[in-house]
Protein backbone atom coordinates (compact mmCIF):
# COMPACT_ATOMS: atom_id res chain seq x y z
CA UNK A 1 -24.38 5.52 -32.76
CA UNK A 2 -25.47 4.89 -29.04
CA UNK A 3 -22.51 2.77 -28.78
CA UNK A 4 -20.21 5.40 -30.23
CA UNK A 5 -21.68 7.99 -27.76
CA UNK A 6 -21.50 5.66 -24.78
CA UNK A 7 -17.60 5.20 -25.54
CA UNK A 8 -17.02 9.05 -26.32
CA UNK A 9 -18.75 10.13 -22.78
CA UNK A 10 -16.88 7.56 -21.12
CA UNK A 11 -13.27 8.52 -22.35
CA UNK A 12 -14.40 12.33 -21.82
CA UNK A 13 -15.27 11.69 -17.86
CA UNK A 14 -12.35 9.91 -17.31
CA UNK A 15 -9.88 12.31 -18.69
CA UNK A 16 -12.40 15.16 -16.49
CA UNK A 17 -11.75 12.90 -13.53
CA UNK A 18 -7.93 12.70 -14.11
CA UNK A 19 -7.81 16.60 -14.27
CA UNK A 20 -10.02 16.99 -11.40
CA UNK A 21 -7.53 14.86 -9.30
CA UNK A 22 -4.60 16.72 -10.37
CA UNK A 23 -6.29 19.95 -9.00
CA UNK A 24 -7.25 18.42 -6.14
CA UNK A 25 -3.33 17.58 -5.42
CA UNK A 26 -2.29 14.45 -4.01
CA UNK A 27 -3.76 14.62 -0.61
CA UNK A 28 -7.45 13.74 -2.33
CA UNK A 29 -5.92 10.72 -3.73
CA UNK A 30 -3.91 9.53 -0.54
CA UNK A 31 -2.25 6.05 -0.96
CA UNK A 32 -3.72 5.56 -4.34
CA UNK A 33 -2.26 6.81 -7.10
CA UNK A 34 -4.38 8.87 -9.76
CA UNK A 35 -5.73 5.88 -11.91
CA UNK A 36 -6.89 3.79 -9.17
CA UNK A 37 -8.72 6.51 -7.61
CA UNK A 38 -10.38 7.43 -10.70
CA UNK A 39 -11.21 3.55 -11.74
CA UNK A 40 -12.15 2.96 -7.87
CA UNK A 41 -14.74 5.42 -7.75
CA UNK A 42 -15.84 5.40 -11.21
CA UNK A 43 -16.39 1.57 -11.60
CA UNK A 44 -18.07 1.31 -8.61
CA UNK A 45 -20.64 3.74 -9.47
CA UNK A 46 -20.94 2.35 -13.19
CA UNK A 47 -21.26 -0.91 -11.67
CA UNK A 48 -24.32 0.45 -9.37
CA UNK A 49 -26.04 1.97 -12.71
CA UNK A 50 -25.83 -1.15 -14.31
CA UNK A 51 -27.33 -3.18 -12.01
CA UNK A 52 -30.88 -0.70 -12.19
CA UNK A 53 -30.22 -0.37 -16.00
CA UNK A 54 -33.04 -2.64 -17.27
CA UNK A 55 -33.58 -1.41 -20.61
CA UNK A 56 -29.71 -1.00 -21.80
CA UNK A 57 -27.31 -2.67 -19.59
CA UNK A 58 -24.63 -3.25 -22.02
CA UNK A 59 -24.29 0.97 -21.87
CA UNK A 60 -22.74 0.97 -18.50
CA UNK A 61 -20.69 -2.16 -19.18
CA UNK A 62 -19.03 -0.53 -22.09
CA UNK A 63 -18.16 2.45 -19.87
CA UNK A 64 -16.93 -0.19 -17.35
CA UNK A 65 -14.70 -2.07 -19.94
CA UNK A 66 -13.09 1.88 -21.24
CA UNK A 67 -12.56 2.38 -17.96
CA UNK A 68 -10.45 -0.66 -17.13
CA UNK A 69 -8.79 -0.39 -20.85
CA UNK A 70 -7.80 3.45 -20.34
CA UNK A 71 -6.35 2.37 -17.05
CA UNK A 72 -4.35 -0.07 -18.46
CA UNK A 73 -3.52 2.39 -20.74
CA UNK A 74 -2.26 5.10 -18.52
CA UNK A 75 0.07 2.50 -16.58
CA UNK A 76 1.28 1.52 -19.52
CA UNK A 77 2.26 4.27 -20.59
CA UNK A 78 4.37 5.58 -17.07
CA UNK A 79 5.74 2.28 -17.31
CA UNK A 80 7.53 2.69 -20.92
CA UNK A 81 7.73 6.31 -20.90
CA UNK A 82 9.49 7.57 -18.09
CA UNK A 83 9.24 11.06 -18.99
CA UNK A 84 5.45 10.94 -18.89
CA UNK A 85 5.44 9.97 -14.81
CA UNK A 86 5.83 13.54 -14.23
CA UNK A 87 2.61 14.21 -15.75
CA UNK A 88 0.41 11.22 -14.83
CA UNK A 89 1.87 10.16 -11.53
CA UNK A 90 2.99 13.48 -10.33
CA UNK A 91 6.17 14.26 -8.21
CA UNK A 92 7.36 13.97 -4.65
CA UNK A 93 7.03 17.88 -3.45
CA UNK A 94 9.65 18.74 -0.50
CA UNK A 95 7.87 20.18 2.11
CA UNK A 96 10.41 20.71 4.72
CA UNK A 97 14.38 20.57 4.23
CA UNK A 98 16.95 21.15 6.85
CA UNK A 99 14.52 22.21 9.33
CA UNK A 100 12.81 24.83 7.15
CA UNK A 101 9.32 24.97 6.22
CA UNK A 102 9.13 25.74 2.51
CA UNK A 103 6.14 28.00 2.10
CA UNK A 104 5.70 28.23 -1.96
CA UNK A 105 5.86 24.03 -1.79
CA UNK A 106 3.17 23.87 0.43
CA UNK A 107 1.05 25.47 -1.74
CA UNK A 108 1.77 23.87 -4.79
CA UNK A 109 1.03 20.59 -2.53
CA UNK A 110 -2.12 21.71 -1.97
CA UNK A 111 -1.44 21.15 1.74
CA UNK A 112 -2.00 23.82 4.87
CA UNK A 113 0.55 23.66 8.05
CA UNK A 114 -2.33 21.98 9.98
CA UNK A 115 -2.43 19.36 7.57
CA UNK A 116 1.48 18.61 7.88
CA UNK A 117 1.55 18.90 11.61
CA UNK A 118 -1.36 16.11 12.18
CA UNK A 119 0.95 14.05 9.54
CA UNK A 120 3.97 14.43 11.44
CA UNK A 121 2.20 13.38 14.16
CA UNK A 122 1.16 9.97 13.26
CA UNK A 123 4.75 9.27 11.99
CA UNK A 124 5.36 10.13 15.69
CA UNK A 125 7.03 13.49 15.07
CA UNK A 126 5.59 15.60 17.38
CA UNK A 127 8.55 18.03 17.38
CA UNK A 128 9.31 19.60 13.65
CA UNK A 129 12.72 20.07 15.29
CA UNK A 130 13.47 16.89 14.76
CA UNK A 131 13.13 16.51 10.70
CA UNK A 132 15.25 17.11 8.65
CA UNK A 133 13.88 16.63 5.10
CA UNK A 134 10.21 16.12 4.65
CA UNK A 135 8.55 14.87 1.45
CA UNK A 136 4.92 14.60 0.40
CA UNK A 137 5.14 11.60 -2.21
CA UNK A 138 2.71 11.37 -4.91
CA UNK A 139 0.02 8.68 -3.35
CA UNK A 140 -0.55 11.57 -0.08
CA UNK A 141 1.68 10.14 2.22
CA UNK A 142 4.69 12.16 4.00
CA UNK A 143 7.80 10.33 4.13
CA UNK A 144 10.30 11.88 6.97
CA UNK A 145 14.16 11.86 7.42
CA UNK A 146 15.04 12.76 10.70
CA UNK A 147 18.01 14.71 11.92
CA UNK A 148 21.34 12.53 11.96
CA UNK A 149 21.46 13.35 16.12
CA UNK A 150 18.01 12.43 16.94
CA UNK A 151 17.41 9.30 14.97
CA UNK A 152 16.65 5.69 16.84
CA UNK A 153 19.78 4.13 17.60
CA UNK A 154 20.53 0.90 15.77
CA UNK A 155 23.02 -1.83 16.93
CA UNK A 156 25.45 -0.55 13.83
CA UNK A 157 25.93 2.32 16.27
CA UNK A 158 26.68 0.46 18.92
CA UNK A 159 28.71 -1.58 17.18
CA UNK A 160 26.99 -4.66 17.78
CA UNK A 161 26.47 -7.33 15.22
CA UNK A 162 23.16 -9.39 16.09
CA UNK A 163 22.18 -12.20 14.05
CA UNK A 164 20.21 -11.45 10.88
CA UNK A 165 16.34 -12.50 11.34
CA UNK A 166 14.53 -14.48 8.51
CA UNK A 167 10.97 -14.68 7.73
CA UNK A 168 8.83 -17.11 9.27
CA UNK A 169 6.51 -18.92 7.53
CA UNK A 170 3.40 -20.70 9.24
CA UNK A 171 3.49 -24.41 9.26
CA UNK A 172 -0.16 -24.51 11.25
CA UNK A 173 -2.65 -22.80 11.40
CA UNK A 174 -6.12 -22.96 13.54
CA UNK A 175 -5.22 -26.55 14.55
CA UNK A 176 -4.53 -27.53 10.69
CA UNK A 177 -1.31 -28.37 9.78
CA UNK A 178 -0.53 -26.41 6.50
CA UNK A 179 1.18 -29.40 4.28
CA UNK A 180 2.20 -27.20 1.30
CA UNK A 181 4.53 -24.92 3.75
CA UNK A 182 6.07 -27.57 5.72
CA UNK A 183 7.31 -29.11 2.45
CA UNK A 184 8.48 -25.69 1.49
CA UNK A 185 10.94 -25.69 4.23
CA UNK A 186 11.94 -29.30 3.59
CA UNK A 187 10.66 -30.39 7.22
CA UNK A 188 8.12 -33.35 7.53
CA UNK A 189 5.02 -34.46 10.32
CA UNK A 190 7.54 -36.39 12.25
CA UNK A 191 9.82 -33.56 12.85
CA UNK A 192 6.93 -31.25 13.44
CA UNK A 193 5.84 -33.59 16.09
CA UNK A 194 9.07 -33.61 17.98
CA UNK A 195 8.95 -29.92 18.14
CA UNK A 196 5.06 -30.04 19.17
CA UNK A 197 6.02 -32.62 21.93
CA UNK A 198 9.27 -30.42 22.75
CA UNK A 199 7.08 -27.51 23.74
CA UNK A 200 4.52 -29.31 25.36
CA UNK A 201 1.52 -29.69 22.75
CA UNK A 202 0.07 -33.50 22.66
CA UNK A 203 -1.09 -32.16 18.57
CA UNK A 204 -1.36 -29.77 16.11
CA UNK A 205 -5.22 -29.54 17.32
CA UNK A 206 -3.67 -27.22 20.49
CA UNK A 207 -2.26 -25.00 18.42
CA UNK A 208 -3.89 -21.98 17.51
CA UNK A 209 -0.72 -20.68 15.45
CA UNK A 210 2.91 -22.44 14.49
CA UNK A 211 5.49 -20.13 12.43
CA UNK A 212 9.19 -21.21 11.54
CA UNK A 213 12.01 -19.82 9.66
CA UNK A 214 14.32 -21.02 6.92
CA UNK A 215 16.91 -22.40 10.43
CA UNK A 216 13.76 -24.45 11.81
CA UNK A 217 13.47 -22.31 14.36
CA UNK A 218 9.98 -22.81 15.23
CA UNK A 219 7.36 -20.96 17.72
CA UNK A 220 3.84 -22.51 18.67
CA UNK A 221 1.19 -20.41 19.90
CA UNK A 222 -1.61 -22.15 22.42
CA UNK A 223 -4.87 -21.76 21.24
CA UNK A 224 -7.58 -20.34 23.73
CA UNK A 225 -10.76 -22.41 23.70
């Protein structure tokens, strides 16, 4: 009977937290989805209770398992049933469009104008006149589309064709050669030693960080001691 009671109360508390998170809006979740938010705050408190529950430690353990299973189930449903995403994850809310603030949508997002201005400044937009569209995402983040005439210039705008940059891979970290990364790039110690000598290093021990791209362009950063 105790086991069944723990299961029922765990599911009920999960649903209650989900409902409260939805009522508080995306701002409360901030960078997490609903499931991460619920699981994070709840499992943490349950784990603390489990550490101090000496008579029946299995009760909080069962609750933790149920919360984890419920979160996985909700994530599975949102992936397999796209129509449920609107209710489980929420939807994006347009707060500003074509330079106009949409007051009704501010109320839907449970966000006031001061909070909106702070989020704009955090993204580098101090003048609302430079914003074409602002969208409040389900994870509590603000996405901004600047007006075309005020957005930063790109090489394409200037009719330039710069070489495509590539990802860098660490080959030396804190004076130690990362053998696995070196092999992934198809390089060996002989090549690495030549590159070190070319840039004035006696050995890898003198390098704090060494990075190399797929075109074998390597950069070394000196270790300051």
